[in-house]
């Protein structure tokens, strides 16, 4: 897990969570499965952070990377 902070007092503006799996241990990643996983994570997390799932392969492992970002408030 890698949290990224804007300052010393506020919650992180972004959190990256990456999991590694042996090849063949995950089901084939379809667009629909990726959307379903993102939606489940978003429901669990609530509105504080936006969830984006990135799937890939790193060296000899399949990876799932969740990128959690705080929604921007916009210009003040």
Foldseek 3Di string as FASTA:
>chain_A
DDFACPDDPDGGQKDKDKDWDAPPPDDDDDPVNQVVVQVVVCVVVDLQWHWHWDWDDDDRTTMIMIMTGGDDPDDD
